[in-house]
PDB file of all heavy atoms in Angstrom:
ATOM      1  N   PHE A   1       3.209 -22.973  -4.408  1.00  0.00           N
ATOM      2  CA  PHE A   1       3.179 -24.168  -3.569  1.00  0.00           C
ATOM      3  C   PHE A   1       2.036 -24.980  -3.906  1.00  0.00           C
ATOM      4  O   PHE A   1       2.014 -26.255  -3.666  1.00  0.00           O
ATOM      5  CB  PHE A   1       3.138 -23.816  -2.137  1.00  0.00           C
ATOM      6  CG  PHE A   1       4.456 -23.583  -1.504  1.00  0.00           C
ATOM      7  CD1 PHE A   1       5.266 -22.550  -1.888  1.00  0.00           C
ATOM      8  CD2 PHE A   1       4.853 -24.326  -0.393  1.00  0.00           C
ATOM      9  CE1 PHE A   1       6.600 -22.301  -1.392  1.00  0.00           C
ATOM     10  CE2 PHE A   1       6.136 -24.173   0.133  1.00  0.00           C
ATOM     11  CZ  PHE A   1       7.037 -23.218  -0.315  1.00  0.00           C
ATOM     12  N   ASP A   2       0.979 -24.558  -4.605  1.00  0.00           N
ATOM     13  CA  ASP A   2      -0.174 -25.281  -4.997  1.00  0.00           C
ATOM     14  C   ASP A   2      -0.043 -25.708  -6.443  1.00  0.00           C
ATOM     15  O   ASP A   2      -0.823 -26.484  -6.903  1.00  0.00           O
ATOM     16  CB  ASP A   2      -1.426 -24.514  -4.839  1.00  0.00           C
ATOM     17  CG  ASP A   2      -1.526 -23.273  -5.625  1.00  0.00           C
ATOM     18  OD1 ASP A   2      -0.543 -22.874  -6.371  1.00  0.00           O
ATOM     19  OD2 ASP A   2      -2.575 -22.529  -5.515  1.00  0.00           O
ATOM     20  N   GLY A   3       1.129 -25.399  -7.121  1.00  0.00           N
ATOM     21  CA  GLY A   3       1.298 -25.753  -8.579  1.00  0.00           C
ATOM     22  C   GLY A   3       0.444 -25.133  -9.512  1.00  0.00           C
ATOM     23  O   GLY A   3       0.363 -25.615 -10.680  1.00  0.00           O
ATOM     24  N   ALA A   4      -0.287 -24.027  -9.163  1.00  0.00           N
ATOM     25  CA  ALA A   4      -1.323 -23.592 -10.079  1.00  0.00           C
ATOM     26  C   ALA A   4      -0.686 -22.346 -10.995  1.00  0.00           C
ATOM     27  O   ALA A   4      -1.379 -22.021 -11.907  1.00  0.00           O
ATOM     28  CB  ALA A   4      -2.381 -22.820  -9.268  1.00  0.00           C
ATOM     29  N   ILE A   5       0.477 -21.936 -10.713  1.00  0.00           N
ATOM     30  CA  ILE A   5       1.096 -20.892 -11.760  1.00  0.00           C
ATOM     31  C   ILE A   5       1.526 -21.694 -12.910  1.00  0.00           C
ATOM     32  O   ILE A   5       2.405 -22.303 -12.953  1.00  0.00           O
ATOM     33  CB  ILE A   5       2.187 -20.187 -11.000  1.00  0.00           C
ATOM     34  CG1 ILE A   5       1.723 -19.338  -9.794  1.00  0.00           C
ATOM     35  CG2 ILE A   5       2.954 -19.126 -11.996  1.00  0.00           C
ATOM     36  CD1 ILE A   5       2.839 -18.628  -9.080  1.00  0.00           C
ATOM     37  N   GLY A   6       0.992 -21.156 -14.084  1.00  0.00           N
ATOM     38  CA  GLY A   6       1.320 -21.867 -15.325  1.00  0.00           C
ATOM     39  C   GLY A   6       2.337 -21.173 -16.138  1.00  0.00           C
ATOM     40  O   GLY A   6       2.844 -21.882 -17.026  1.00  0.00           O
ATOM     41  N   SER A   7       2.613 -19.943 -15.866  1.00  0.00           N
ATOM     42  CA  SER A   7       3.640 -19.234 -16.653  1.00  0.00           C
ATOM     43  C   SER A   7       4.818 -18.994 -15.843  1.00  0.00           C
ATOM     44  O   SER A   7       4.930 -18.590 -14.760  1.00  0.00           O
ATOM     45  CB  SER A   7       2.910 -17.822 -16.955  1.00  0.00           C
ATOM     46  OG  SER A   7       3.817 -16.957 -17.401  1.00  0.00           O
ATOM     47  N   LEU A   8       6.012 -19.224 -16.562  1.00  0.00           N
ATOM     48  CA  LEU A   8       7.313 -18.893 -15.904  1.00  0.00           C
ATOM     49  C   LEU A   8       7.403 -17.406 -15.520  1.00  0.00           C
ATOM     50  O   LEU A   8       7.890 -17.111 -14.479  1.00  0.00           O
ATOM     51  CB  LEU A   8       8.441 -19.250 -16.890  1.00  0.00           C
ATOM     52  CG  LEU A   8       8.578 -20.768 -17.100  1.00  0.00           C
ATOM     53  CD1 LEU A   8       9.674 -20.949 -18.121  1.00  0.00           C
ATOM     54  CD2 LEU A   8       8.928 -21.468 -15.897  1.00  0.00           C
ATOM     55  N   ALA A   9       7.013 -16.564 -16.364  1.00  0.00           N
ATOM     56  CA  ALA A   9       6.971 -15.047 -16.132  1.00  0.00           C
ATOM     57  C   ALA A   9       6.170 -14.733 -14.871  1.00  0.00           C
ATOM     58  O   ALA A   9       6.471 -13.652 -14.229  1.00  0.00           O
ATOM     59  CB  ALA A   9       6.700 -14.271 -17.346  1.00  0.00           C
ATOM     60  N   ALA A  10       5.021 -15.475 -14.678  1.00  0.00           N
ATOM     61  CA  ALA A  10       4.263 -15.170 -13.544  1.00  0.00           C
ATOM     62  C   ALA A  10       4.863 -15.367 -12.233  1.00  0.00           C
ATOM     63  O   ALA A  10       4.427 -14.921 -11.173  1.00  0.00           O
ATOM     64  CB  ALA A  10       2.857 -15.990 -13.698  1.00  0.00           C
ATOM     65  N   ARG A  11       5.840 -16.194 -12.133  1.00  0.00           N
ATOM     66  CA  ARG A  11       6.497 -16.623 -10.956  1.00  0.00           C
ATOM     67  C   ARG A  11       7.273 -15.329 -10.310  1.00  0.00           C
ATOM     68  O   ARG A  11       6.967 -14.994  -9.195  1.00  0.00           O
ATOM     69  CB  ARG A  11       7.526 -17.712 -11.085  1.00  0.00           C
ATOM     70  CG  ARG A  11       6.724 -19.058 -11.451  1.00  0.00           C
ATOM     71  CD  ARG A  11       7.771 -20.031 -11.892  1.00  0.00           C
ATOM     72  NE  ARG A  11       6.993 -21.305 -12.379  1.00  0.00           N
ATOM     73  CZ  ARG A  11       6.713 -22.241 -11.584  1.00  0.00           C
ATOM     74  NH1 ARG A  11       6.902 -22.180 -10.332  1.00  0.00           N
ATOM     75  NH2 ARG A  11       6.085 -23.311 -12.089  1.00  0.00           N
ATOM     76  N   PRO A  12       8.171 -14.786 -11.013  1.00  0.00           N
ATOM     77  CA  PRO A  12       8.802 -13.449 -10.465  1.00  0.00           C
ATOM     78  C   PRO A  12       7.752 -12.350 -10.241  1.00  0.00           C
ATOM     79  O   PRO A  12       7.953 -11.598  -9.356  1.00  0.00           O
ATOM     80  CB  PRO A  12       9.884 -13.063 -11.447  1.00  0.00           C
ATOM     81  CG  PRO A  12       9.435 -13.836 -12.739  1.00  0.00           C
ATOM     82  CD  PRO A  12       8.853 -15.072 -12.354  1.00  0.00           C
ATOM     83  N   GLN A  13       6.756 -12.386 -11.063  1.00  0.00           N
ATOM     84  CA  GLN A  13       5.631 -11.421 -10.844  1.00  0.00           C
ATOM     85  C   GLN A  13       5.123 -11.441  -9.414  1.00  0.00           C
ATOM     86  O   GLN A  13       4.792 -10.610  -8.683  1.00  0.00           O
ATOM     87  CB  GLN A  13       4.638 -11.385 -11.961  1.00  0.00           C
ATOM     88  CG  GLN A  13       5.139 -10.891 -13.224  1.00  0.00           C
ATOM     89  CD  GLN A  13       4.107 -11.117 -14.354  1.00  0.00           C
ATOM     90  OE1 GLN A  13       2.990 -11.621 -14.085  1.00  0.00           O
ATOM     91  NE2 GLN A  13       4.467 -10.747 -15.524  1.00  0.00           N
ATOM     92  N   ALA A  14       4.816 -12.887  -9.108  1.00  0.00           N
ATOM     93  CA  ALA A  14       4.212 -13.161  -7.798  1.00  0.00           C
ATOM     94  C   ALA A  14       5.168 -12.891  -6.594  1.00  0.00           C
ATOM     95  O   ALA A  14       4.688 -12.737  -5.480  1.00  0.00           O
ATOM     96  CB  ALA A  14       3.812 -14.634  -7.696  1.00  0.00           C
ATOM     97  N   ALA A  15       6.449 -12.671  -6.933  1.00  0.00           N
ATOM     98  CA  ALA A  15       7.363 -12.379  -5.891  1.00  0.00           C
ATOM     99  C   ALA A  15       7.717 -10.936  -5.779  1.00  0.00           C
ATOM    100  O   ALA A  15       8.492 -10.485  -4.877  1.00  0.00           O
ATOM    101  CB  ALA A  15       8.711 -13.159  -6.212  1.00  0.00           C
ATOM    102  N   ALA A  16       7.103 -10.057  -6.627  1.00  0.00           N
ATOM    103  CA  ALA A  16       7.372  -8.702  -6.664  1.00  0.00           C
ATOM    104  C   ALA A  16       7.182  -8.123  -5.252  1.00  0.00           C
ATOM    105  O   ALA A  16       6.184  -8.342  -4.538  1.00  0.00           O
ATOM    106  CB  ALA A  16       6.516  -7.910  -7.677  1.00  0.00           C
ATOM    107  N   GLY A  17       8.177  -7.335  -4.917  1.00  0.00           N
ATOM    108  CA  GLY A  17       8.105  -6.632  -3.508  1.00  0.00           C
ATOM    109  C   GLY A  17       8.942  -7.301  -2.426  1.00  0.00           C
ATOM    110  O   GLY A  17       9.050  -6.794  -1.417  1.00  0.00           O
ATOM    111  N   SER A  18       9.315  -8.644  -2.746  1.00  0.00           N
ATOM    112  CA  SER A  18      10.153  -9.312  -1.779  1.00  0.00           C
ATOM    113  C   SER A  18      11.635  -8.747  -1.962  1.00  0.00           C
ATOM    114  O   SER A  18      11.958  -7.969  -2.868  1.00  0.00           O
ATOM    115  CB  SER A  18      10.052 -10.766  -2.080  1.00  0.00           C
ATOM    116  OG  SER A  18       8.767 -11.250  -1.987  1.00  0.00           O
ATOM    117  N   ASP A  19      12.527  -9.420  -1.155  1.00  0.00           N
ATOM    118  CA  ASP A  19      13.906  -8.972  -1.185  1.00  0.00           C
ATOM    119  C   ASP A  19      14.880  -9.928  -1.940  1.00  0.00           C
ATOM    120  O   ASP A  19      15.926  -9.558  -2.302  1.00  0.00           O
ATOM    121  CB  ASP A  19      14.417  -8.690   0.308  1.00  0.00           C
ATOM    122  CG  ASP A  19      13.574  -7.661   0.886  1.00  0.00           C
ATOM    123  OD1 ASP A  19      13.616  -6.465   0.539  1.00  0.00           O
ATOM    124  OD2 ASP A  19      12.907  -7.987   1.832  1.00  0.00           O
ATOM    125  N   PHE A  20      14.386 -11.165  -2.179  1.00  0.00           N
ATOM    126  CA  PHE A  20      15.167 -12.193  -2.674  1.00  0.00           C
ATOM    127  C   PHE A  20      14.193 -13.302  -3.232  1.00  0.00           C
ATOM    128  O   PHE A  20      13.196 -13.581  -2.571  1.00  0.00           O
ATOM    129  CB  PHE A  20      16.217 -12.810  -1.756  1.00  0.00           C
ATOM    130  CG  PHE A  20      17.336 -13.631  -2.442  1.00  0.00           C
ATOM    131  CD1 PHE A  20      18.419 -12.903  -2.876  1.00  0.00           C
ATOM    132  CD2 PHE A  20      17.113 -14.885  -2.649  1.00  0.00           C
ATOM    133  CE1 PHE A  20      19.383 -13.627  -3.444  1.00  0.00           C
ATOM    134  CE2 PHE A  20      18.139 -15.642  -3.245  1.00  0.00           C
ATOM    135  CZ  PHE A  20      19.351 -15.016  -3.731  1.00  0.00           C
ATOM    136  N   PHE A  21      14.715 -13.940  -4.381  1.00  0.00           N
ATOM    137  CA  PHE A  21      13.823 -14.890  -5.123  1.00  0.00           C
ATOM    138  C   PHE A  21      14.750 -16.233  -5.151  1.00  0.00           C
ATOM    139  O   PHE A  21      15.748 -16.117  -5.801  1.00  0.00           O
ATOM    140  CB  PHE A  21      13.440 -14.404  -6.397  1.00  0.00           C
ATOM    141  CG  PHE A  21      12.590 -15.455  -7.197  1.00  0.00           C
ATOM    142  CD1 PHE A  21      11.219 -15.335  -6.960  1.00  0.00           C
ATOM    143  CD2 PHE A  21      13.145 -16.306  -7.998  1.00  0.00           C
ATOM    144  CE1 PHE A  21      10.385 -16.314  -7.776  1.00  0.00           C
ATOM    145  CE2 PHE A  21      12.386 -17.197  -8.812  1.00  0.00           C
ATOM    146  CZ  PHE A  21      11.004 -17.167  -8.581  1.00  0.00           C
ATOM    147  N   ILE A  22      14.173 -17.309  -4.645  1.00  0.00           N
ATOM    148  CA  ILE A  22      14.918 -18.474  -4.810  1.00  0.00           C
ATOM    149  C   ILE A  22      13.947 -19.624  -5.438  1.00  0.00           C
ATOM    150  O   ILE A  22      12.765 -19.731  -4.786  1.00  0.00           O
ATOM    151  CB  ILE A  22      15.623 -19.080  -3.594  1.00  0.00           C
ATOM    152  CG1 ILE A  22      16.273 -20.439  -3.844  1.00  0.00           C
ATOM    153  CG2 ILE A  22      14.648 -19.184  -2.342  1.00  0.00           C
ATOM    154  CD1 ILE A  22      17.284 -20.818  -2.765  1.00  0.00           C
ATOM    155  N   SER A  23      14.285 -20.207  -6.551  1.00  0.00           N
ATOM    156  CA  SER A  23      13.388 -21.238  -7.071  1.00  0.00           C
ATOM    157  C   SER A  23      13.924 -22.483  -6.869  1.00  0.00           C
ATOM    158  O   SER A  23      15.118 -22.900  -7.140  1.00  0.00           O
ATOM    159  CB  SER A  23      13.248 -20.919  -8.660  1.00  0.00           C
ATOM    160  OG  SER A  23      12.273 -21.831  -9.269  1.00  0.00           O
ATOM    161  N   ILE A  24      13.122 -23.405  -6.386  1.00  0.00           N
ATOM    162  CA  ILE A  24      13.567 -24.841  -6.014  1.00  0.00           C
ATOM    163  C   ILE A  24      13.278 -25.838  -7.033  1.00  0.00           C
ATOM    164  O   ILE A  24      12.123 -25.969  -7.484  1.00  0.00           O
ATOM    165  CB  ILE A  24      12.841 -25.212  -4.715  1.00  0.00           C
ATOM    166  CG1 ILE A  24      13.167 -24.128  -3.558  1.00  0.00           C
ATOM    167  CG2 ILE A  24      13.385 -26.589  -4.316  1.00  0.00           C
ATOM    168  CD1 ILE A  24      14.515 -23.973  -3.275  1.00  0.00           C
ATOM    169  N   HIS A  25      14.301 -26.595  -7.505  1.00  0.00           N
ATOM    170  CA  HIS A  25      14.192 -27.527  -8.434  1.00  0.00           C
ATOM    171  C   HIS A  25      15.031 -28.804  -8.049  1.00  0.00           C
ATOM    172  O   HIS A  25      15.796 -28.828  -7.107  1.00  0.00           O
ATOM    173  CB  HIS A  25      14.728 -27.103  -9.890  1.00  0.00           C
ATOM    174  CG  HIS A  25      13.774 -26.102 -10.446  1.00  0.00           C
ATOM    175  ND1 HIS A  25      12.971 -26.368 -11.577  1.00  0.00           N
ATOM    176  CD2 HIS A  25      13.549 -24.816 -10.175  1.00  0.00           C
ATOM    177  CE1 HIS A  25      12.265 -25.300 -11.844  1.00  0.00           C
ATOM    178  NE2 HIS A  25      12.712 -24.231 -11.057  1.00  0.00           N
ATOM    179  N   HIS A  26      14.758 -29.893  -8.733  1.00  0.00           N
ATOM    180  CA  HIS A  26      15.607 -31.090  -8.705  1.00  0.00           C
ATOM    181  C   HIS A  26      15.983 -31.595 -10.141  1.00  0.00           C
ATOM    182  O   HIS A  26      15.114 -31.337 -10.979  1.00  0.00           O
ATOM    183  CB  HIS A  26      14.817 -32.238  -7.971  1.00  0.00           C
ATOM    184  CG  HIS A  26      14.695 -32.035  -6.513  1.00  0.00           C
ATOM    185  ND1 HIS A  26      13.790 -31.061  -6.064  1.00  0.00           N
ATOM    186  CD2 HIS A  26      15.246 -32.574  -5.525  1.00  0.00           C
ATOM    187  CE1 HIS A  26      13.753 -31.041  -4.731  1.00  0.00           C
ATOM    188  NE2 HIS A  26      14.633 -32.037  -4.365  1.00  0.00           N
ATOM    189  N   ASP A  27      17.076 -32.118 -10.265  1.00  0.00           N
ATOM    190  CA  ASP A  27      17.689 -32.218 -11.651  1.00  0.00           C
ATOM    191  C   ASP A  27      17.416 -33.564 -12.159  1.00  0.00           C
ATOM    192  O   ASP A  27      17.234 -34.534 -11.497  1.00  0.00           O
ATOM    193  CB  ASP A  27      19.243 -31.977 -11.508  1.00  0.00           C
ATOM    194  CG  ASP A  27      19.862 -31.394 -12.678  1.00  0.00           C
ATOM    195  OD1 ASP A  27      19.127 -31.105 -13.730  1.00  0.00           O
ATOM    196  OD2 ASP A  27      21.101 -31.133 -12.668  1.00  0.00           O
ATOM    197  N   SER A  28      17.663 -33.648 -13.521  1.00  0.00           N
ATOM    198  CA  SER A  28      17.712 -34.849 -14.225  1.00  0.00           C
ATOM    199  C   SER A  28      18.956 -34.941 -15.161  1.00  0.00           C
ATOM    200  O   SER A  28      20.025 -34.506 -14.677  1.00  0.00           O
ATOM    201  CB  SER A  28      16.405 -34.961 -15.289  1.00  0.00           C
ATOM    202  OG  SER A  28      16.437 -36.227 -15.855  1.00  0.00           O
ATOM    203  N   ILE A  29      18.899 -35.533 -16.302  1.00  0.00           N
ATOM    204  CA  ILE A  29      20.057 -35.771 -17.143  1.00  0.00           C
ATOM    205  C   ILE A  29      19.608 -36.049 -18.515  1.00  0.00           C
ATOM    206  O   ILE A  29      18.591 -36.596 -18.715  1.00  0.00           O
ATOM    207  CB  ILE A  29      21.080 -36.947 -16.605  1.00  0.00           C
ATOM    208  CG1 ILE A  29      22.549 -36.857 -17.279  1.00  0.00           C
ATOM    209  CG2 ILE A  29      20.443 -38.237 -16.746  1.00  0.00           C
ATOM    210  CD1 ILE A  29      23.451 -37.698 -16.702  1.00  0.00           C
ATOM    211  N   ASP A  30      20.485 -35.723 -19.485  1.00  0.00           N
ATOM    212  CA  ASP A  30      20.130 -36.041 -20.803  1.00  0.00           C
ATOM    213  C   ASP A  30      19.855 -37.569 -21.125  1.00  0.00           C
ATOM    214  O   ASP A  30      20.509 -38.362 -20.476  1.00  0.00           O
ATOM    215  CB  ASP A  30      21.167 -35.563 -21.901  1.00  0.00           C
ATOM    216  CG  ASP A  30      21.289 -34.051 -21.772  1.00  0.00           C
ATOM    217  OD1 ASP A  30      20.354 -33.327 -21.477  1.00  0.00           O
ATOM    218  OD2 ASP A  30      22.452 -33.544 -22.390  1.00  0.00           O
ATOM    219  N   GLU A  31      18.960 -37.842 -21.987  1.00  0.00           N
ATOM    220  CA  GLU A  31      18.654 -39.249 -22.272  1.00  0.00           C
ATOM    221  C   GLU A  31      19.783 -40.138 -22.677  1.00  0.00           C
ATOM    222  O   GLU A  31      19.879 -41.320 -22.393  1.00  0.00           O
ATOM    223  CB  GLU A  31      17.544 -39.252 -23.338  1.00  0.00           C
ATOM    224  CG  GLU A  31      16.255 -38.734 -22.939  1.00  0.00           C
ATOM    225  CD  GLU A  31      15.107 -39.024 -23.983  1.00  0.00           C
ATOM    226  OE1 GLU A  31      15.441 -39.754 -25.021  1.00  0.00           O
ATOM    227  OE2 GLU A  31      14.013 -38.479 -23.860  1.00  0.00           O
ATOM    228  N   ALA A  32      20.782 -39.531 -23.221  1.00  0.00           N
ATOM    229  CA  ALA A  32      21.949 -40.343 -23.689  1.00  0.00           C
ATOM    230  C   ALA A  32      22.772 -40.936 -22.552  1.00  0.00           C
ATOM    231  O   ALA A  32      23.409 -41.977 -22.730  1.00  0.00           O
ATOM    232  CB  ALA A  32      22.849 -39.395 -24.514  1.00  0.00           C
TER     233      ALA A  32
END
């Protein structure tokens, strides 16, 4: 939530021990 995690692999590591993981994003589109 503070944006400080720099590694993608560190995100699920930070969630270890939870029961479910949901990653929130918003979409874009190809430049074409």
